[in-house]
Amino acid sequence: MLPRVNVAYETYGTLSPAKDNAVLICHALSGDSHVARHDEKDDTGWWEILIGPGKPVDTDRYFVICPNILGGCRGSTGPMSFNPETGARVWC
């Protein structure tokens, strides 16, 4: 049991007032939550070709959420995380 976890995520676009335009993008274990650039100065995302203004998953129309899975590290609780109750690594 993990009493508390961190989940990193990134969002793109704007959630509509009706909250009916959300798209959840999940990744394989080798990915992370950085699916696309937020602006021209940002690093390239792993699905850059499909997500962004005017692309198939159009962030001018959709609110995209991409969470990082548990164990995937890069901001989410994973093998290198510490248990806050014991100070030991979560998984060793």
PDB file of N, CA and C in Angstrom:
ATOM      1  N   MET A   1       0.843  -1.168   0.000  1.00  0.00           N
ATOM      2  CA  MET A   1       0.000   0.000   0.000  1.00  0.00           C
ATOM      3  C   MET A   1       0.891   1.234   0.000  1.00  0.00           C
ATOM      4  N   LEU A   2       0.509   2.192  -0.811  1.00  0.00           N
ATOM      5  CA  LEU A   2       1.187   3.480  -0.835  1.00  0.00           C
ATOM      6  C   LEU A   2       0.228   4.516  -0.256  1.00  0.00           C
ATOM      7  N   PRO A   3       0.508   5.018   0.931  1.00  0.00           N
ATOM      8  CA  PRO A   3      -0.433   5.937   1.566  1.00  0.00           C
ATOM      9  C   PRO A   3      -0.532   7.278   0.864  1.00  0.00           C
ATOM     10  N   ARG A   4       0.501   7.623   0.090  1.00  0.00           N
ATOM     11  CA  ARG A   4       0.508   8.915  -0.580  1.00  0.00           C
ATOM     12  C   ARG A   4       1.400   8.807  -1.803  1.00  0.00           C
ATOM     13  N   VAL A   5       0.940   9.302  -2.936  1.00  0.00           N
ATOM     14  CA  VAL A   5       1.744   9.263  -4.159  1.00  0.00           C
ATOM     15  C   VAL A   5       1.716  10.630  -4.842  1.00  0.00           C
ATOM     16  N   ASN A   6       2.721  10.872  -5.655  1.00  0.00           N
ATOM     17  CA  ASN A   6       2.766  12.051  -6.513  1.00  0.00           C
ATOM     18  C   ASN A   6       2.523  11.594  -7.942  1.00  0.00           C
ATOM     19  N   VAL A   7       1.722  12.336  -8.674  1.00  0.00           N
ATOM     20  CA  VAL A   7       1.496  12.049 -10.086  1.00  0.00           C
ATOM     21  C   VAL A   7       1.792  13.326 -10.860  1.00  0.00           C
ATOM     22  N   ALA A   8       2.845  13.276 -11.676  1.00  0.00           N
ATOM     23  CA  ALA A   8       3.168  14.408 -12.541  1.00  0.00           C
ATOM     24  C   ALA A   8       2.221  14.394 -13.731  1.00  0.00           C
ATOM     25  N   TYR A   9       1.865  15.571 -14.219  1.00  0.00           N
ATOM     26  CA  TYR A   9       1.013  15.648 -15.405  1.00  0.00           C
ATOM     27  C   TYR A   9       1.246  16.985 -16.088  1.00  0.00           C
ATOM     28  N   GLU A  10       0.886  17.042 -17.349  1.00  0.00           N
ATOM     29  CA  GLU A  10       0.911  18.289 -18.093  1.00  0.00           C
ATOM     30  C   GLU A  10      -0.435  18.460 -18.774  1.00  0.00           C
ATOM     31  N   THR A  11      -0.840  19.710 -18.942  1.00  0.00           N
ATOM     32  CA  THR A  11      -2.081  20.011 -19.643  1.00  0.00           C
ATOM     33  C   THR A  11      -1.800  20.966 -20.789  1.00  0.00           C
ATOM     34  N   TYR A  12      -2.676  20.923 -21.772  1.00  0.00           N
ATOM     35  CA  TYR A  12      -2.568  21.751 -22.972  1.00  0.00           C
ATOM     36  C   TYR A  12      -3.964  22.224 -23.339  1.00  0.00           C
ATOM     37  N   GLY A  13      -4.087  23.448 -23.801  1.00  0.00           N
ATOM     38  CA  GLY A  13      -5.390  23.975 -24.182  1.00  0.00           C
ATOM     39  C   GLY A  13      -6.153  24.472 -22.973  1.00  0.00           C
ATOM     40  N   THR A  14      -7.446  24.721 -23.185  1.00  0.00           N
ATOM     41  CA  THR A  14      -8.301  25.286 -22.145  1.00  0.00           C
ATOM     42  C   THR A  14      -9.538  24.413 -21.964  1.00  0.00           C
ATOM     43  N   LEU A  15      -9.850  24.114 -20.713  1.00  0.00           N
ATOM     44  CA  LEU A  15     -11.057  23.359 -20.406  1.00  0.00           C
ATOM     45  C   LEU A  15     -12.268  24.259 -20.640  1.00  0.00           C
ATOM     46  N   SER A  16     -13.251  23.755 -21.364  1.00  0.00           N
ATOM     47  CA  SER A  16     -14.453  24.537 -21.669  1.00  0.00           C
ATOM     48  C   SER A  16     -15.286  24.734 -20.403  1.00  0.00           C
ATOM     49  N   PRO A  17     -16.138  25.770 -20.383  1.00  0.00           N
ATOM     50  CA  PRO A  17     -17.017  25.975 -19.225  1.00  0.00           C
ATOM     51  C   PRO A  17     -17.888  24.755 -18.930  1.00  0.00           C
ATOM     52  N   ALA A  18     -18.296  24.035 -19.964  1.00  0.00           N
ATOM     53  CA  ALA A  18     -19.111  22.828 -19.764  1.00  0.00           C
ATOM     54  C   ALA A  18     -18.267  21.615 -19.385  1.00  0.00           C
ATOM     55  N   LYS A  19     -16.947  21.754 -19.429  1.00  0.00           N
ATOM     56  CA  LYS A  19     -15.999  20.678 -19.108  1.00  0.00           C
ATOM     57  C   LYS A  19     -16.224  19.442 -19.976  1.00  0.00           C
ATOM     58  N   ASP A  20     -16.520  19.672 -21.250  1.00  0.00           N
ATOM     59  CA  ASP A  20     -16.822  18.571 -22.168  1.00  0.00           C
ATOM     60  C   ASP A  20     -15.811  18.421 -23.302  1.00  0.00           C
ATOM     61  N   ASN A  21     -14.639  19.018 -23.153  1.00  0.00           N
ATOM     62  CA  ASN A  21     -13.648  18.941 -24.228  1.00  0.00           C
ATOM     63  C   ASN A  21     -12.320  18.320 -23.784  1.00  0.00           C
ATOM     64  N   ALA A  22     -12.330  17.584 -22.677  1.00  0.00           N
ATOM     65  CA  ALA A  22     -11.101  16.988 -22.150  1.00  0.00           C
ATOM     66  C   ALA A  22     -10.733  15.711 -22.905  1.00  0.00           C
ATOM     67  N   VAL A  23      -9.447  15.571 -23.170  1.00  0.00           N
ATOM     68  CA  VAL A  23      -8.900  14.375 -23.819  1.00  0.00           C
ATOM     69  C   VAL A  23      -7.768  13.877 -22.930  1.00  0.00           C
ATOM     70  N   LEU A  24      -7.834  12.609 -22.542  1.00  0.00           N
ATOM     71  CA  LEU A  24      -6.792  11.990 -21.720  1.00  0.00           C
ATOM     72  C   LEU A  24      -5.841  11.241 -22.632  1.00  0.00           C
ATOM     73  N   ILE A  25      -4.562  11.589 -22.573  1.00  0.00           N
ATOM     74  CA  ILE A  25      -3.533  10.899 -23.350  1.00  0.00           C
ATOM     75  C   ILE A  25      -2.640  10.153 -22.360  1.00  0.00           C
ATOM     76  N   CYS A  26      -2.568   8.840 -22.479  1.00  0.00           N
ATOM     77  CA  CYS A  26      -1.709   8.025 -21.610  1.00  0.00           C
ATOM     78  C   CYS A  26      -0.500   7.542 -22.408  1.00  0.00           C
ATOM     79  N   HIS A  27       0.551   7.229 -21.708  1.00  0.00           N
ATOM     80  CA  HIS A  27       1.780   6.822 -22.375  1.00  0.00           C
ATOM     81  C   HIS A  27       2.240   5.439 -21.937  1.00  0.00           C
ATOM     82  N   ALA A  28       3.153   4.895 -22.718  1.00  0.00           N
ATOM     83  CA  ALA A  28       3.783   3.616 -22.370  1.00  0.00           C
ATOM     84  C   ALA A  28       4.801   3.863 -21.258  1.00  0.00           C
ATOM     85  N   LEU A  29       5.342   2.823 -20.699  1.00  0.00           N
ATOM     86  CA  LEU A  29       6.305   2.963 -19.598  1.00  0.00           C
ATOM     87  C   LEU A  29       7.533   3.787 -19.965  1.00  0.00           C
ATOM     88  N   SER A  30       7.866   3.845 -21.234  1.00  0.00           N
ATOM     89  CA  SER A  30       9.075   4.569 -21.637  1.00  0.00           C
ATOM     90  C   SER A  30       8.840   6.061 -21.827  1.00  0.00           C
ATOM     91  N   GLY A  31       7.594   6.506 -21.730  1.00  0.00           N
ATOM     92  CA  GLY A  31       7.282   7.908 -21.957  1.00  0.00           C
ATOM     93  C   GLY A  31       7.228   8.702 -20.672  1.00  0.00           C
ATOM     94  N   ASP A  32       6.715   9.893 -20.783  1.00  0.00           N
ATOM     95  CA  ASP A  32       6.472  10.748 -19.628  1.00  0.00           C
ATOM     96  C   ASP A  32       5.297  11.651 -19.958  1.00  0.00           C
ATOM     97  N   SER A  33       5.037  12.625 -19.127  1.00  0.00           N
ATOM     98  CA  SER A  33       3.870  13.476 -19.320  1.00  0.00           C
ATOM     99  C   SER A  33       4.100  14.606 -20.321  1.00  0.00           C
ATOM    100  N   HIS A  34       5.304  14.722 -20.848  1.00  0.00           N
ATOM    101  CA  HIS A  34       5.604  15.811 -21.802  1.00  0.00           C
ATOM    102  C   HIS A  34       5.299  15.353 -23.224  1.00  0.00           C
ATOM    103  N   VAL A  35       4.040  15.440 -23.600  1.00  0.00           N
ATOM    104  CA  VAL A  35       3.569  14.925 -24.876  1.00  0.00           C
ATOM    105  C   VAL A  35       3.807  15.893 -26.041  1.00  0.00           C
ATOM    106  N   ALA A  36       3.877  17.208 -25.745  1.00  0.00           N
ATOM    107  CA  ALA A  36       4.073  18.201 -26.805  1.00  0.00           C
ATOM    108  C   ALA A  36       4.655  19.482 -26.199  1.00  0.00           C
ATOM    109  N   ARG A  37       5.144  20.335 -27.064  1.00  0.00           N
ATOM    110  CA  ARG A  37       5.658  21.636 -26.624  1.00  0.00           C
ATOM    111  C   ARG A  37       4.513  22.507 -26.129  1.00  0.00           C
ATOM    112  N   HIS A  38       4.813  23.337 -25.146  1.00  0.00           N
ATOM    113  CA  HIS A  38       3.854  24.348 -24.694  1.00  0.00           C
ATOM    114  C   HIS A  38       4.044  25.650 -25.464  1.00  0.00           C
ATOM    115  N   ASP A  39       5.258  25.884 -25.950  1.00  0.00           N
ATOM    116  CA  ASP A  39       5.566  27.042 -26.790  1.00  0.00           C
ATOM    117  C   ASP A  39       6.846  26.730 -27.565  1.00  0.00           C
ATOM    118  N   GLU A  40       7.268  27.650 -28.420  1.00  0.00           N
ATOM    119  CA  GLU A  40       8.416  27.390 -29.299  1.00  0.00           C
ATOM    120  C   GLU A  40       9.741  27.243 -28.554  1.00  0.00           C
ATOM    121  N   LYS A  41       9.815  27.686 -27.308  1.00  0.00           N
ATOM    122  CA  LYS A  41      11.046  27.566 -26.515  1.00  0.00           C
ATOM    123  C   LYS A  41      11.111  26.252 -25.731  1.00  0.00           C
ATOM    124  N   ASP A  42      10.011  25.531 -25.691  1.00  0.00           N
ATOM    125  CA  ASP A  42       9.902  24.293 -24.920  1.00  0.00           C
ATOM    126  C   ASP A  42      10.559  23.129 -25.657  1.00  0.00           C
ATOM    127  N   ASP A  43      10.913  22.078 -24.925  1.00  0.00           N
ATOM    128  CA  ASP A  43      11.451  20.851 -25.532  1.00  0.00           C
ATOM    129  C   ASP A  43      10.365  20.147 -26.336  1.00  0.00           C
ATOM    130  N   THR A  44      10.777  19.439 -27.371  1.00  0.00           N
ATOM    131  CA  THR A  44       9.861  18.654 -28.188  1.00  0.00           C
ATOM    132  C   THR A  44       9.264  17.533 -27.348  1.00  0.00           C
ATOM    133  N   GLY A  45       7.974  17.284 -27.516  1.00  0.00           N
ATOM    134  CA  GLY A  45       7.303  16.198 -26.811  1.00  0.00           C
ATOM    135  C   GLY A  45       7.352  14.919 -27.626  1.00  0.00           C
ATOM    136  N   TRP A  46       6.967  13.810 -27.001  1.00  0.00           N
ATOM    137  CA  TRP A  46       7.070  12.506 -27.668  1.00  0.00           C
ATOM    138  C   TRP A  46       5.953  12.255 -28.669  1.00  0.00           C
ATOM    139  N   TRP A  47       4.917  13.087 -28.691  1.00  0.00           N
ATOM    140  CA  TRP A  47       3.847  12.929 -29.682  1.00  0.00           C
ATOM    141  C   TRP A  47       3.562  14.264 -30.345  1.00  0.00           C
ATOM    142  N   GLU A  48       4.614  15.018 -30.557  1.00  0.00           N
ATOM    143  CA  GLU A  48       4.556  16.372 -31.097  1.00  0.00           C
ATOM    144  C   GLU A  48       3.766  16.455 -32.406  1.00  0.00           C
ATOM    145  N   ILE A  49       3.885  15.438 -33.218  1.00  0.00           N
ATOM    146  CA  ILE A  49       3.252  15.451 -34.542  1.00  0.00           C
ATOM    147  C   ILE A  49       1.722  15.452 -34.465  1.00  0.00           C
ATOM    148  N   LEU A  50       1.156  14.988 -33.348  1.00  0.00           N
ATOM    149  CA  LEU A  50      -0.295  14.838 -33.246  1.00  0.00           C
ATOM    150  C   LEU A  50      -1.000  15.832 -32.335  1.00  0.00           C
ATOM    151  N   ILE A  51      -0.254  16.497 -31.453  1.00  0.00           N
ATOM    152  CA  ILE A  51      -0.897  17.332 -30.437  1.00  0.00           C
ATOM    153  C   ILE A  51      -0.422  18.770 -30.535  1.00  0.00           C
ATOM    154  N   GLY A  52      -1.381  19.680 -30.667  1.00  0.00           N
ATOM    155  CA  GLY A  52      -1.077  21.104 -30.727  1.00  0.00           C
ATOM    156  C   GLY A  52      -2.089  21.835 -31.586  1.00  0.00           C
ATOM    157  N   PRO A  53      -1.981  23.148 -31.659  1.00  0.00           N
ATOM    158  CA  PRO A  53      -2.925  23.931 -32.462  1.00  0.00           C
ATOM    159  C   PRO A  53      -2.935  23.476 -33.926  1.00  0.00           C
ATOM    160  N   GLY A  54      -4.135  23.178 -34.445  1.00  0.00           N
ATOM    161  CA  GLY A  54      -4.286  22.774 -35.835  1.00  0.00           C
ATOM    162  C   GLY A  54      -3.884  21.341 -36.144  1.00  0.00           C
ATOM    163  N   LYS A  55      -3.447  20.587 -35.151  1.00  0.00           N
ATOM    164  CA  LYS A  55      -3.050  19.189 -35.346  1.00  0.00           C
ATOM    165  C   LYS A  55      -4.246  18.276 -35.055  1.00  0.00           C
ATOM    166  N   PRO A  56      -4.117  16.952 -35.314  1.00  0.00           N
ATOM    167  CA  PRO A  56      -5.263  16.057 -35.085  1.00  0.00           C
ATOM    168  C   PRO A  56      -5.894  16.168 -33.690  1.00  0.00           C
ATOM    169  N   VAL A  57      -5.097  16.284 -32.651  1.00  0.00           N
ATOM    170  CA  VAL A  57      -5.625  16.584 -31.320  1.00  0.00           C
ATOM    171  C   VAL A  57      -5.362  18.077 -31.121  1.00  0.00           C
ATOM    172  N   ASP A  58      -6.311  18.872 -31.575  1.00  0.00           N
ATOM    173  CA  ASP A  58      -6.176  20.327 -31.672  1.00  0.00           C
ATOM    174  C   ASP A  58      -6.363  20.979 -30.303  1.00  0.00           C
ATOM    175  N   THR A  59      -5.295  21.553 -29.771  1.00  0.00           N
ATOM    176  CA  THR A  59      -5.371  22.168 -28.445  1.00  0.00           C
ATOM    177  C   THR A  59      -6.072  23.530 -28.463  1.00  0.00           C
ATOM    178  N   ASP A  60      -6.449  24.015 -29.636  1.00  0.00           N
ATOM    179  CA  ASP A  60      -7.332  25.186 -29.701  1.00  0.00           C
ATOM    180  C   ASP A  60      -8.774  24.757 -29.460  1.00  0.00           C
ATOM    181  N   ARG A  61      -9.036  23.473 -29.591  1.00  0.00           N
ATOM    182  CA  ARG A  61     -10.386  22.922 -29.420  1.00  0.00           C
ATOM    183  C   ARG A  61     -10.505  22.043 -28.166  1.00  0.00           C
ATOM    184  N   TYR A  62      -9.465  21.262 -27.882  1.00  0.00           N
ATOM    185  CA  TYR A  62      -9.494  20.287 -26.790  1.00  0.00           C
ATOM    186  C   TYR A  62      -8.576  20.687 -25.636  1.00  0.00           C
ATOM    187  N   PHE A  63      -8.947  20.237 -24.449  1.00  0.00           N
ATOM    188  CA  PHE A  63      -8.123  20.360 -23.253  1.00  0.00           C
ATOM    189  C   PHE A  63      -7.467  18.995 -23.048  1.00  0.00           C
ATOM    190  N   VAL A  64      -6.178  18.924 -23.243  1.00  0.00           N
ATOM    191  CA  VAL A  64      -5.439  17.660 -23.192  1.00  0.00           C
ATOM    192  C   VAL A  64      -4.769  17.512 -21.828  1.00  0.00           C
ATOM    193  N   ILE A  65      -4.943  16.352 -21.229  1.00  0.00           N
ATOM    194  CA  ILE A  65      -4.292  16.010 -19.967  1.00  0.00           C
ATOM    195  C   ILE A  65      -3.430  14.784 -20.228  1.00  0.00           C
ATOM    196  N   CYS A  66      -2.153  14.862 -19.854  1.00  0.00           N
ATOM    197  CA  CYS A  66      -1.266  13.709 -19.997  1.00  0.00           C
ATOM    198  C   CYS A  66      -0.574  13.451 -18.660  1.00  0.00           C
ATOM    199  N   PRO A  67      -1.055  12.447 -17.910  1.00  0.00           N
ATOM    200  CA  PRO A  67      -0.415  12.117 -16.638  1.00  0.00           C
ATOM    201  C   PRO A  67       0.760  11.166 -16.848  1.00  0.00           C
ATOM    202  N   ASN A  68       1.697  11.238 -15.947  1.00  0.00           N
ATOM    203  CA  ASN A  68       2.790  10.278 -15.921  1.00  0.00           C
ATOM    204  C   ASN A  68       2.337   9.130 -15.020  1.00  0.00           C
ATOM    205  N   ILE A  69       2.551   7.911 -15.428  1.00  0.00           N
ATOM    206  CA  ILE A  69       2.094   6.770 -14.634  1.00  0.00           C
ATOM    207  C   ILE A  69       2.965   6.559 -13.400  1.00  0.00           C
ATOM    208  N   LEU A  70       2.404   5.902 -12.404  1.00  0.00           N
ATOM    209  CA  LEU A  70       3.195   5.540 -11.232  1.00  0.00           C
ATOM    210  C   LEU A  70       4.290   4.570 -11.655  1.00  0.00           C
ATOM    211  N   GLY A  71       5.462   4.756 -11.119  1.00  0.00           N
ATOM    212  CA  GLY A  71       6.590   3.902 -11.465  1.00  0.00           C
ATOM    213  C   GLY A  71       7.342   4.410 -12.668  1.00  0.00           C
ATOM    214  N   GLY A  72       6.777   5.371 -13.366  1.00  0.00           N
ATOM    215  CA  GLY A  72       7.424   5.930 -14.544  1.00  0.00           C
ATOM    216  C   GLY A  72       8.454   6.992 -14.210  1.00  0.00           C
ATOM    217  N   CYS A  73       8.564   7.324 -12.947  1.00  0.00           N
ATOM    218  CA  CYS A  73       9.454   8.388 -12.468  1.00  0.00           C
ATOM    219  C   CYS A  73       9.141   9.693 -13.188  1.00  0.00           C
ATOM    220  N   ARG A  74      10.130  10.492 -13.426  1.00  0.00           N
ATOM    221  CA  ARG A  74       9.962  11.805 -14.070  1.00  0.00           C
ATOM    222  C   ARG A  74       8.849  12.611 -13.414  1.00  0.00           C
ATOM    223  N   GLY A  75       8.833  12.607 -12.095  1.00  0.00           N
ATOM    224  CA  GLY A  75       7.880  13.409 -11.341  1.00  0.00           C
ATOM    225  C   GLY A  75       6.834  12.618 -10.597  1.00  0.00           C
ATOM    226  N   SER A  76       6.513  11.426 -11.045  1.00  0.00           N
ATOM    227  CA  SER A  76       5.553  10.584 -10.336  1.00  0.00           C
ATOM    228  C   SER A  76       6.296   9.636  -9.401  1.00  0.00           C
ATOM    229  N   THR A  77       5.587   9.157  -8.396  1.00  0.00           N
ATOM    230  CA  THR A  77       6.183   8.211  -7.460  1.00  0.00           C
ATOM    231  C   THR A  77       6.675   6.989  -8.223  1.00  0.00           C
ATOM    232  N   GLY A  78       7.911   6.609  -7.955  1.00  0.00           N
ATOM    233  CA  GLY A  78       8.525   5.485  -8.639  1.00  0.00           C
ATOM    234  C   GLY A  78       9.590   4.831  -7.784  1.00  0.00           C
ATOM    235  N   PRO A  79      10.406   3.974  -8.368  1.00  0.00           N
ATOM    236  CA  PRO A  79      11.396   3.195  -7.622  1.00  0.00           C
ATOM    237  C   PRO A  79      12.396   4.042  -6.819  1.00  0.00           C
ATOM    238  N   MET A  80      12.660   5.247  -7.241  1.00  0.00           N
ATOM    239  CA  MET A  80      13.633   6.090  -6.545  1.00  0.00           C
ATOM    240  C   MET A  80      12.981   7.015  -5.518  1.00  0.00           C
ATOM    241  N   SER A  81      11.666   6.943  -5.368  1.00  0.00           N
ATOM    242  CA  SER A  81      10.960   7.787  -4.400  1.00  0.00           C
ATOM    243  C   SER A  81      11.176   7.271  -2.985  1.00  0.00           C
ATOM    244  N   PHE A  82      11.019   8.163  -2.036  1.00  0.00           N
ATOM    245  CA  PHE A  82      11.154   7.802  -0.626  1.00  0.00           C
ATOM    246  C   PHE A  82       9.785   7.720   0.029  1.00  0.00           C
ATOM    247  N   ASN A  83       9.633   6.735   0.911  1.00  0.00           N
ATOM    248  CA  ASN A  83       8.436   6.613   1.723  1.00  0.00           C
ATOM    249  C   ASN A  83       8.531   7.693   2.803  1.00  0.00           C
ATOM    250  N   PRO A  84       7.584   8.644   2.860  1.00  0.00           N
ATOM    251  CA  PRO A  84       7.691   9.725   3.835  1.00  0.00           C
ATOM    252  C   PRO A  84       7.588   9.256   5.289  1.00  0.00           C
ATOM    253  N   GLU A  85       7.008   8.076   5.519  1.00  0.00           N
ATOM    254  CA  GLU A  85       6.871   7.570   6.887  1.00  0.00           C
ATOM    255  C   GLU A  85       8.131   6.894   7.385  1.00  0.00           C
ATOM    256  N   THR A  86       8.889   6.230   6.491  1.00  0.00           N
ATOM    257  CA  THR A  86      10.052   5.467   6.923  1.00  0.00           C
ATOM    258  C   THR A  86      11.368   6.073   6.440  1.00  0.00           C
ATOM    259  N   GLY A  87      11.321   6.910   5.413  1.00  0.00           N
ATOM    260  CA  GLY A  87      12.554   7.454   4.840  1.00  0.00           C
ATOM    261  C   GLY A  87      13.239   6.488   3.891  1.00  0.00           C
ATOM    262  N   ALA A  88      12.701   5.271   3.767  1.00  0.00           N
ATOM    263  CA  ALA A  88      13.287   4.255   2.873  1.00  0.00           C
ATOM    264  C   ALA A  88      12.720   4.434   1.461  1.00  0.00           C
ATOM    265  N   ARG A  89      13.424   3.878   0.494  1.00  0.00           N
ATOM    266  CA  ARG A  89      12.928   3.888  -0.876  1.00  0.00           C
ATOM    267  C   ARG A  89      11.588   3.159  -0.929  1.00  0.00           C
ATOM    268  N   VAL A  90      10.695   3.610  -1.792  1.00  0.00           N
ATOM    269  CA  VAL A  90       9.376   2.987  -1.923  1.00  0.00           C
ATOM    270  C   VAL A  90       9.519   1.549  -2.373  1.00  0.00           C
ATOM    271  N   TRP A  91      10.274   1.350  -3.454  1.00  0.00           N
ATOM    272  CA  TRP A  91      10.529   0.001  -3.970  1.00  0.00           C
ATOM    273  C   TRP A  91      12.032  -0.172  -4.105  1.00  0.00           C
ATOM    274  N   CYS A  92      12.528  -1.254  -3.632  1.00  0.00           N
ATOM    275  CA  CYS A  92      13.969  -1.511  -3.762  1.00  0.00           C
ATOM    276  C   CYS A  92      14.214  -2.828  -4.438  1.00  0.00           C
TER     277      CYS A  92
END
